[in-house]
C-alpha atoms as a PDB file:
ATOM      1  CA  MET A   1       0.000   0.000   0.000  1.00  0.00           C
ATOM      2  CA  ILE A   2       1.284   3.462  -0.918  1.00  0.00           C
ATOM      3  CA  VAL A   3       0.630   6.309   1.523  1.00  0.00           C
ATOM      4  CA  ILE A   4       0.171   9.877   0.317  1.00  0.00           C
ATOM      5  CA  ILE A   5       0.484  12.080   3.371  1.00  0.00           C
ATOM      6  CA  GLY A   6       0.028  15.782   3.988  1.00  0.00           C
ATOM      7  CA  ALA A   7      -0.896  18.081   6.819  1.00  0.00           C
ATOM      8  CA  MET A   8      -3.997  20.011   5.778  1.00  0.00           C
ATOM      9  CA  PRO A   9      -7.183  19.433   3.786  1.00  0.00           C
ATOM     10  CA  GLU A  10      -6.303  22.554   1.773  1.00  0.00           C
ATOM     11  CA  GLU A  11      -3.265  20.688   0.446  1.00  0.00           C
ATOM     12  CA  LEU A  12      -4.910  17.349  -0.335  1.00  0.00           C
ATOM     13  CA  LYS A  13      -8.442  18.265  -1.385  1.00  0.00           C
ATOM     14  CA  GLU A  14      -7.944  17.840  -5.154  1.00  0.00           C
ATOM     15  CA  ILE A  15      -6.064  14.527  -5.156  1.00  0.00           C
ATOM     16  CA  GLU A  16      -7.986  11.796  -6.973  1.00  0.00           C
ATOM     17  CA  LEU A  17      -6.674   8.511  -5.604  1.00  0.00           C
ATOM     18  CA  LYS A  18      -5.557   5.563  -7.702  1.00  0.00           C
ATOM     19  CA  ASP A  19      -5.788   1.891  -6.650  1.00  0.00           C
ATOM     20  CA  ASP A  20      -3.633   0.724  -3.749  1.00  0.00           C
ATOM     21  CA  VAL A  21      -3.079   4.286  -2.563  1.00  0.00           C
ATOM     22  CA  ILE A  22      -4.397   5.774   0.671  1.00  0.00           C
ATOM     23  CA  LEU A  23      -4.525   9.418   1.638  1.00  0.00           C
ATOM     24  CA  VAL A  24      -3.552  10.441   5.185  1.00  0.00           C
ATOM     25  CA  GLU A  25      -4.191  13.932   6.537  1.00  0.00           C
ATOM     26  CA  THR A  26      -2.118  14.514   9.669  1.00  0.00           C
ATOM     27  CA  GLY A  27      -3.115  17.891  10.999  1.00  0.00           C
ATOM     28  CA  ILE A  28      -0.497  20.522  11.758  1.00  0.00           C
ATOM     29  CA  GLY A  29       2.644  19.869  13.779  1.00  0.00           C
ATOM     30  CA  LYS A  30       5.309  17.227  14.335  1.00  0.00           C
ATOM     31  CA  VAL A  31       3.414  15.133  16.890  1.00  0.00           C
ATOM     32  CA  ASN A  32       0.269  14.977  14.749  1.00  0.00           C
ATOM     33  CA  ALA A  33       2.357  13.974  11.727  1.00  0.00           C
ATOM     34  CA  ALA A  34       4.212  11.210  13.562  1.00  0.00           C
ATOM     35  CA  MET A  35       1.038   9.913  15.182  1.00  0.00           C
ATOM     36  CA  LYS A  36      -1.013   9.710  11.982  1.00  0.00           C
ATOM     37  CA  LEU A  37       1.744   8.084   9.931  1.00  0.00           C
ATOM     38  CA  THR A  38       2.353   5.513  12.674  1.00  0.00           C
ATOM     39  CA  GLU A  39      -1.378   4.716  12.750  1.00  0.00           C
ATOM     40  CA  ALA A  40      -1.363   4.161   8.981  1.00  0.00           C
ATOM     41  CA  ILE A  41       1.726   1.935   9.149  1.00  0.00           C
ATOM     42  CA  ASN A  42       0.132  -0.170  11.879  1.00  0.00           C
ATOM     43  CA  LYS A  43      -3.146  -0.472   9.953  1.00  0.00           C
ATOM     44  CA  TYR A  44      -1.859  -1.137   6.414  1.00  0.00           C
ATOM     45  CA  GLU A  45       1.084  -2.913   4.835  1.00  0.00           C
ATOM     46  CA  VAL A  46       2.804   0.302   3.761  1.00  0.00           C
ATOM     47  CA  THR A  47       5.484  -0.051   1.070  1.00  0.00           C
ATOM     48  CA  GLU A  48       6.139   3.590   0.105  1.00  0.00           C
ATOM     49  CA  ILE A  49       5.383   7.006   1.580  1.00  0.00           C
ATOM     50  CA  TYR A  50       5.002  10.247  -0.396  1.00  0.00           C
ATOM     51  CA  ASN A  51       4.705  13.515   1.512  1.00  0.00           C
ATOM     52  CA  PHE A  52       3.137  16.298  -0.542  1.00  0.00           C
ATOM     53  CA  GLY A  53       2.402  19.736   0.822  1.00  0.00           C
ATOM     54  CA  LEU A  54       2.913  23.451   0.940  1.00  0.00           C
ATOM     55  CA  ALA A  55       6.057  24.847   2.502  1.00  0.00           C
ATOM     56  CA  GLY A  56       7.832  28.081   3.228  1.00  0.00           C
ATOM     57  CA  ALA A  57      11.184  28.799   1.617  1.00  0.00           C
ATOM     58  CA  SER A  58      14.180  31.074   1.765  1.00  0.00           C
ATOM     59  CA  SER A  59      14.518  33.878  -0.771  1.00  0.00           C
ATOM     60  CA  HIS A  60      16.467  31.534  -3.055  1.00  0.00           C
ATOM     61  CA  TYR A  61      13.103  30.165  -4.245  1.00  0.00           C
ATOM     62  CA  GLU A  62       9.877  31.615  -5.634  1.00  0.00           C
ATOM     63  CA  VAL A  63       6.257  31.030  -4.720  1.00  0.00           C
ATOM     64  CA  GLY A  64       4.999  28.158  -6.869  1.00  0.00           C
ATOM     65  CA  ASP A  65       8.361  26.381  -7.155  1.00  0.00           C
ATOM     66  CA  ILE A  66       8.206  22.576  -6.954  1.00  0.00           C
ATOM     67  CA  VAL A  67      10.948  21.314  -4.635  1.00  0.00           C
ATOM     68  CA  LEU A  68      12.143  17.758  -4.080  1.00  0.00           C
ATOM     69  CA  ILE A  69      13.407  17.237  -0.553  1.00  0.00           C
ATOM     70  CA  LYS A  70      16.808  15.541  -0.592  1.00  0.00           C
ATOM     71  CA  ASP A  71      17.165  15.448   3.194  1.00  0.00           C
ATOM     72  CA  ALA A  72      15.282  16.642   6.255  1.00  0.00           C
ATOM     73  CA  MET A  73      16.160  17.799   9.754  1.00  0.00           C
ATOM     74  CA  TYR A  74      14.643  19.676  12.694  1.00  0.00           C
ATOM     75  CA  HIS A  75      15.386  23.365  13.209  1.00  0.00           C
ATOM     76  CA  ASP A  76      13.926  23.440  16.729  1.00  0.00           C
ATOM     77  CA  PHE A  77      15.657  20.376  18.259  1.00  0.00           C
ATOM     78  CA  ASP A  78      18.946  21.075  20.027  1.00  0.00           C
ATOM     79  CA  LEU A  79      21.036  18.635  22.066  1.00  0.00           C
ATOM     80  CA  THR A  80      24.381  20.178  21.104  1.00  0.00           C
ATOM     81  CA  PHE A  81      25.166  20.453  24.828  1.00  0.00           C
ATOM     82  CA  PHE A  82      25.392  16.644  24.825  1.00  0.00           C
ATOM     83  CA  GLY A  83      27.570  16.406  21.719  1.00  0.00           C
ATOM     84  CA  TYR A  84      24.878  15.970  19.052  1.00  0.00           C
ATOM     85  CA  GLU A  85      24.629  18.050  15.897  1.00  0.00           C
ATOM     86  CA  LYS A  86      21.976  20.778  15.920  1.00  0.00           C
ATOM     87  CA  GLY A  87      18.686  19.126  14.936  1.00  0.00           C
ATOM     88  CA  GLN A  88      19.926  15.577  15.524  1.00  0.00           C
ATOM     89  CA  VAL A  89      17.754  13.172  17.497  1.00  0.00           C
ATOM     90  CA  PRO A  90      19.736  10.609  19.530  1.00  0.00           C
ATOM     91  CA  ASN A  91      20.151   7.266  17.705  1.00  0.00           C
ATOM     92  CA  CYS A  92      19.181   8.927  14.414  1.00  0.00           C
ATOM     93  CA  PRO A  93      21.208  10.440  11.577  1.00  0.00           C
ATOM     94  CA  VAL A  94      21.920  14.174  11.582  1.00  0.00           C
ATOM     95  CA  ALA A  95      19.618  14.436   8.551  1.00  0.00           C
ATOM     96  CA  PHE A  96      17.087  11.915   7.270  1.00  0.00           C
ATOM     97  CA  GLN A  97      17.510  11.104   3.570  1.00  0.00           C
ATOM     98  CA  SER A  98      14.830  10.741   0.916  1.00  0.00           C
ATOM     99  CA  ASP A  99      14.780   7.261  -0.594  1.00  0.00           C
ATOM    100  CA  LYS A 100      17.038   7.174  -3.661  1.00  0.00           C
ATOM    101  CA  ASP A 101      14.692   5.076  -5.824  1.00  0.00           C
ATOM    102  CA  LEU A 102      11.724   7.335  -5.047  1.00  0.00           C
ATOM    103  CA  VAL A 103      13.858  10.425  -5.721  1.00  0.00           C
ATOM    104  CA  ASP A 104      14.784   8.996  -9.126  1.00  0.00           C
ATOM    105  CA  LYS A 105      11.113   8.255  -9.849  1.00  0.00           C
ATOM    106  CA  VAL A 106      10.131  11.848  -9.021  1.00  0.00           C
ATOM    107  CA  LYS A 107      12.980  13.349 -11.075  1.00  0.00           C
ATOM    108  CA  LYS A 108      11.999  11.247 -14.081  1.00  0.00           C
ATOM    109  CA  VAL A 109       8.486  12.722 -14.243  1.00  0.00           C
ATOM    110  CA  LEU A 110       9.353  16.185 -12.857  1.00  0.00           C
ATOM    111  CA  PRO A 111      12.633  17.026 -14.642  1.00  0.00           C
ATOM    112  CA  TYR A 112      12.254  20.720 -13.729  1.00  0.00           C
ATOM    113  CA  VAL A 113      12.034  20.017  -9.987  1.00  0.00           C
ATOM    114  CA  LYS A 114      14.386  21.931  -7.706  1.00  0.00           C
ATOM    115  CA  GLU A 115      16.051  20.271  -4.705  1.00  0.00           C
ATOM    116  CA  SER A 116      16.624  21.380  -1.134  1.00  0.00           C
ATOM    117  CA  THR A 117      17.020  20.468   2.505  1.00  0.00           C
ATOM    118  CA  LEU A 118      13.835  20.574   4.591  1.00  0.00           C
ATOM    119  CA  PHE A 119      13.860  22.152   8.042  1.00  0.00           C
ATOM    120  CA  THR A 120      10.928  21.230  10.291  1.00  0.00           C
ATOM    121  CA  GLY A 121       9.809  22.848  13.530  1.00  0.00           C
ATOM    122  CA  ASP A 122       6.722  23.542  15.556  1.00  0.00           C
ATOM    123  CA  TYR A 123       6.418  27.191  14.644  1.00  0.00           C
ATOM    124  CA  PHE A 124       5.633  29.051  11.418  1.00  0.00           C
ATOM    125  CA  MET A 125       8.912  30.648  10.327  1.00  0.00           C
ATOM    126  CA  THR A 126       8.699  34.375   9.551  1.00  0.00           C
ATOM    127  CA  GLU A 127      12.329  35.511   9.940  1.00  0.00           C
ATOM    128  CA  ALA A 128      14.541  35.396   6.858  1.00  0.00           C
ATOM    129  CA  VAL A 129      17.710  33.251   6.928  1.00  0.00           C
ATOM    130  CA  SER A 130      20.570  33.510   4.417  1.00  0.00           C
ATOM    131  CA  VAL A 131      21.043  29.812   3.500  1.00  0.00           C
ATOM    132  CA  PRO A 132      18.781  28.063   0.947  1.00  0.00           C
ATOM    133  CA  TYR A 133      16.120  25.905   2.605  1.00  0.00           C
ATOM    134  CA  ILE A 134      12.508  24.766   2.620  1.00  0.00           C
ATOM    135  CA  CYS A 135      10.596  24.771   5.916  1.00  0.00           C
ATOM    136  CA  ASP A 136       7.447  23.149   7.257  1.00  0.00           C
ATOM    137  CA  MET A 137       5.931  21.906  10.498  1.00  0.00           C
ATOM    138  CA  GLU A 138       5.574  18.149   9.805  1.00  0.00           C
ATOM    139  CA  GLY A 139       8.012  16.727   7.249  1.00  0.00           C
ATOM    140  CA  THR A 140      11.012  15.666   9.315  1.00  0.00           C
ATOM    141  CA  ALA A 141       8.725  13.899  11.807  1.00  0.00           C
ATOM    142  CA  LEU A 142       7.439  11.797   8.887  1.00  0.00           C
ATOM    143  CA  TYR A 143      11.026  11.017   7.892  1.00  0.00           C
ATOM    144  CA  GLN A 144      11.841   9.967  11.448  1.00  0.00           C
ATOM    145  CA  VAL A 145       8.880   7.559  11.574  1.00  0.00           C
ATOM    146  CA  ALA A 146       9.721   6.146   8.123  1.00  0.00           C
ATOM    147  CA  HIS A 147      13.350   5.715   9.217  1.00  0.00           C
ATOM    148  CA  HIS A 148      12.231   3.821  12.321  1.00  0.00           C
ATOM    149  CA  TYR A 149      10.015   1.452  10.318  1.00  0.00           C
ATOM    150  CA  GLN A 150      12.494   1.305   7.398  1.00  0.00           C
ATOM    151  CA  ILE A 151       9.895   2.350   4.813  1.00  0.00           C
ATOM    152  CA  PRO A 152      10.995   4.388   1.760  1.00  0.00           C
ATOM    153  CA  LEU A 153       9.829   8.020   1.837  1.00  0.00           C
ATOM    154  CA  VAL A 154      10.167  11.020  -0.426  1.00  0.00           C
ATOM    155  CA  SER A 155       8.776  14.510  -0.033  1.00  0.00           C
ATOM    156  CA  VAL A 156       7.813  17.017  -2.717  1.00  0.00           C
ATOM    157  CA  LYS A 157       6.840  20.499  -1.599  1.00  0.00           C
ATOM    158  CA  VAL A 158       5.191  23.432  -3.328  1.00  0.00           C
ATOM    159  CA  VAL A 159       6.584  26.769  -2.153  1.00  0.00           C
ATOM    160  CA  SER A 160       3.645  28.712  -0.740  1.00  0.00           C
ATOM    161  CA  ASP A 161       5.506  31.621   0.815  1.00  0.00           C
ATOM    162  CA  ILE A 162       8.947  33.157   1.104  1.00  0.00           C
ATOM    163  CA  VAL A 163      10.066  33.598   4.693  1.00  0.00           C
ATOM    164  CA  GLY A 164      10.144  37.315   5.484  1.00  0.00           C
ATOM    165  CA  MET A 165       8.120  38.361   2.420  1.00  0.00           C
ATOM    166  CA  ASP A 166       5.930  41.478   2.511  1.00  0.00           C
ATOM    167  CA  GLU A 167       2.349  40.806   3.640  1.00  0.00           C
ATOM    168  CA  HIS A 168       3.463  37.294   4.520  1.00  0.00           C
ATOM    169  CA  TYR A 169       0.172  36.013   5.972  1.00  0.00           C
ATOM    170  CA  ASP A 170      -2.051  37.459   3.235  1.00  0.00           C
ATOM    171  CA  ASN A 171       0.148  36.177   0.415  1.00  0.00           C
ATOM    172  CA  TYR A 172       0.387  32.706   1.983  1.00  0.00           C
ATOM    173  CA  LYS A 173      -3.395  32.424   2.420  1.00  0.00           C
ATOM    174  CA  LYS A 174      -4.029  33.637  -1.132  1.00  0.00           C
ATOM    175  CA  PHE A 175      -1.711  30.989  -2.601  1.00  0.00           C
ATOM    176  CA  GLU A 176      -3.044  28.258  -0.314  1.00  0.00           C
ATOM    177  CA  THR A 177      -6.632  28.832  -1.388  1.00  0.00           C
ATOM    178  CA  SER A 178      -6.035  29.560  -5.082  1.00  0.00           C
ATOM    179  CA  GLU A 179      -3.208  27.413  -6.436  1.00  0.00           C
ATOM    180  CA  GLY A 180      -1.646  25.158  -3.814  1.00  0.00           C
ATOM    181  CA  ALA A 181      -3.944  22.115  -3.994  1.00  0.00           C
ATOM    182  CA  THR A 182      -4.038  22.185  -7.802  1.00  0.00           C
ATOM    183  CA  LEU A 183      -0.236  22.084  -8.043  1.00  0.00           C
ATOM    184  CA  ILE A 184      -0.058  19.264  -5.488  1.00  0.00           C
ATOM    185  CA  ASN A 185      -2.619  17.234  -7.449  1.00  0.00           C
ATOM    186  CA  ASP A 186      -0.634  17.839 -10.656  1.00  0.00           C
ATOM    187  CA  ILE A 187       2.480  16.443  -8.971  1.00  0.00           C
ATOM    188  CA  TYR A 188       0.548  13.406  -7.733  1.00  0.00           C
ATOM    189  CA  GLN A 189      -0.971  12.713 -11.158  1.00  0.00           C
ATOM    190  CA  LYS A 190       2.425  12.904 -12.888  1.00  0.00           C
ATOM    191  CA  ILE A 191       4.060  10.509 -10.426  1.00  0.00           C
ATOM    192  CA  PHE A 192       1.166   8.012 -10.454  1.00  0.00           C
ATOM    193  CA  LYS A 193      -0.061   8.227 -14.053  1.00  0.00           C
END
């Protein structure tokens, strides 16, 4: 069974499911994401996980960009005092990697896709940072669960807002309601045609 997972109904509302695919809506935040994916894994024989959703980005990207996540880490997890890298969970890699075969599958049907690291935390980022990144509030938690269960996962994000942009909230909401779900469904249809 293939799991398509995203946080909000606004992101997933246009996806028309194919056979042997289930849709999981997690709700917002790392704990919700981990909980819902774990429930799905315990209920179904999950073979692949695809995380689709909207995400913020640094100024290196533009609203509407399609971005393949190459690796994912937390921006609000810090045990550096104990010798871990910033964002690293004990007994886990510093960054969780997207599955190579799924990455290749996505690149084959989305040759224009950009790539980036995903930073996940439990707050909506509004302060600009100088390094290129994509940010959300669920993705890395999904990677951590997939890593634990050893299930291949890949994430493809649609840039909904640029961190620090003018009229940040209004521009994000406008994109979310007008274009976001359509672009996510287009990605899904291309991967699963």
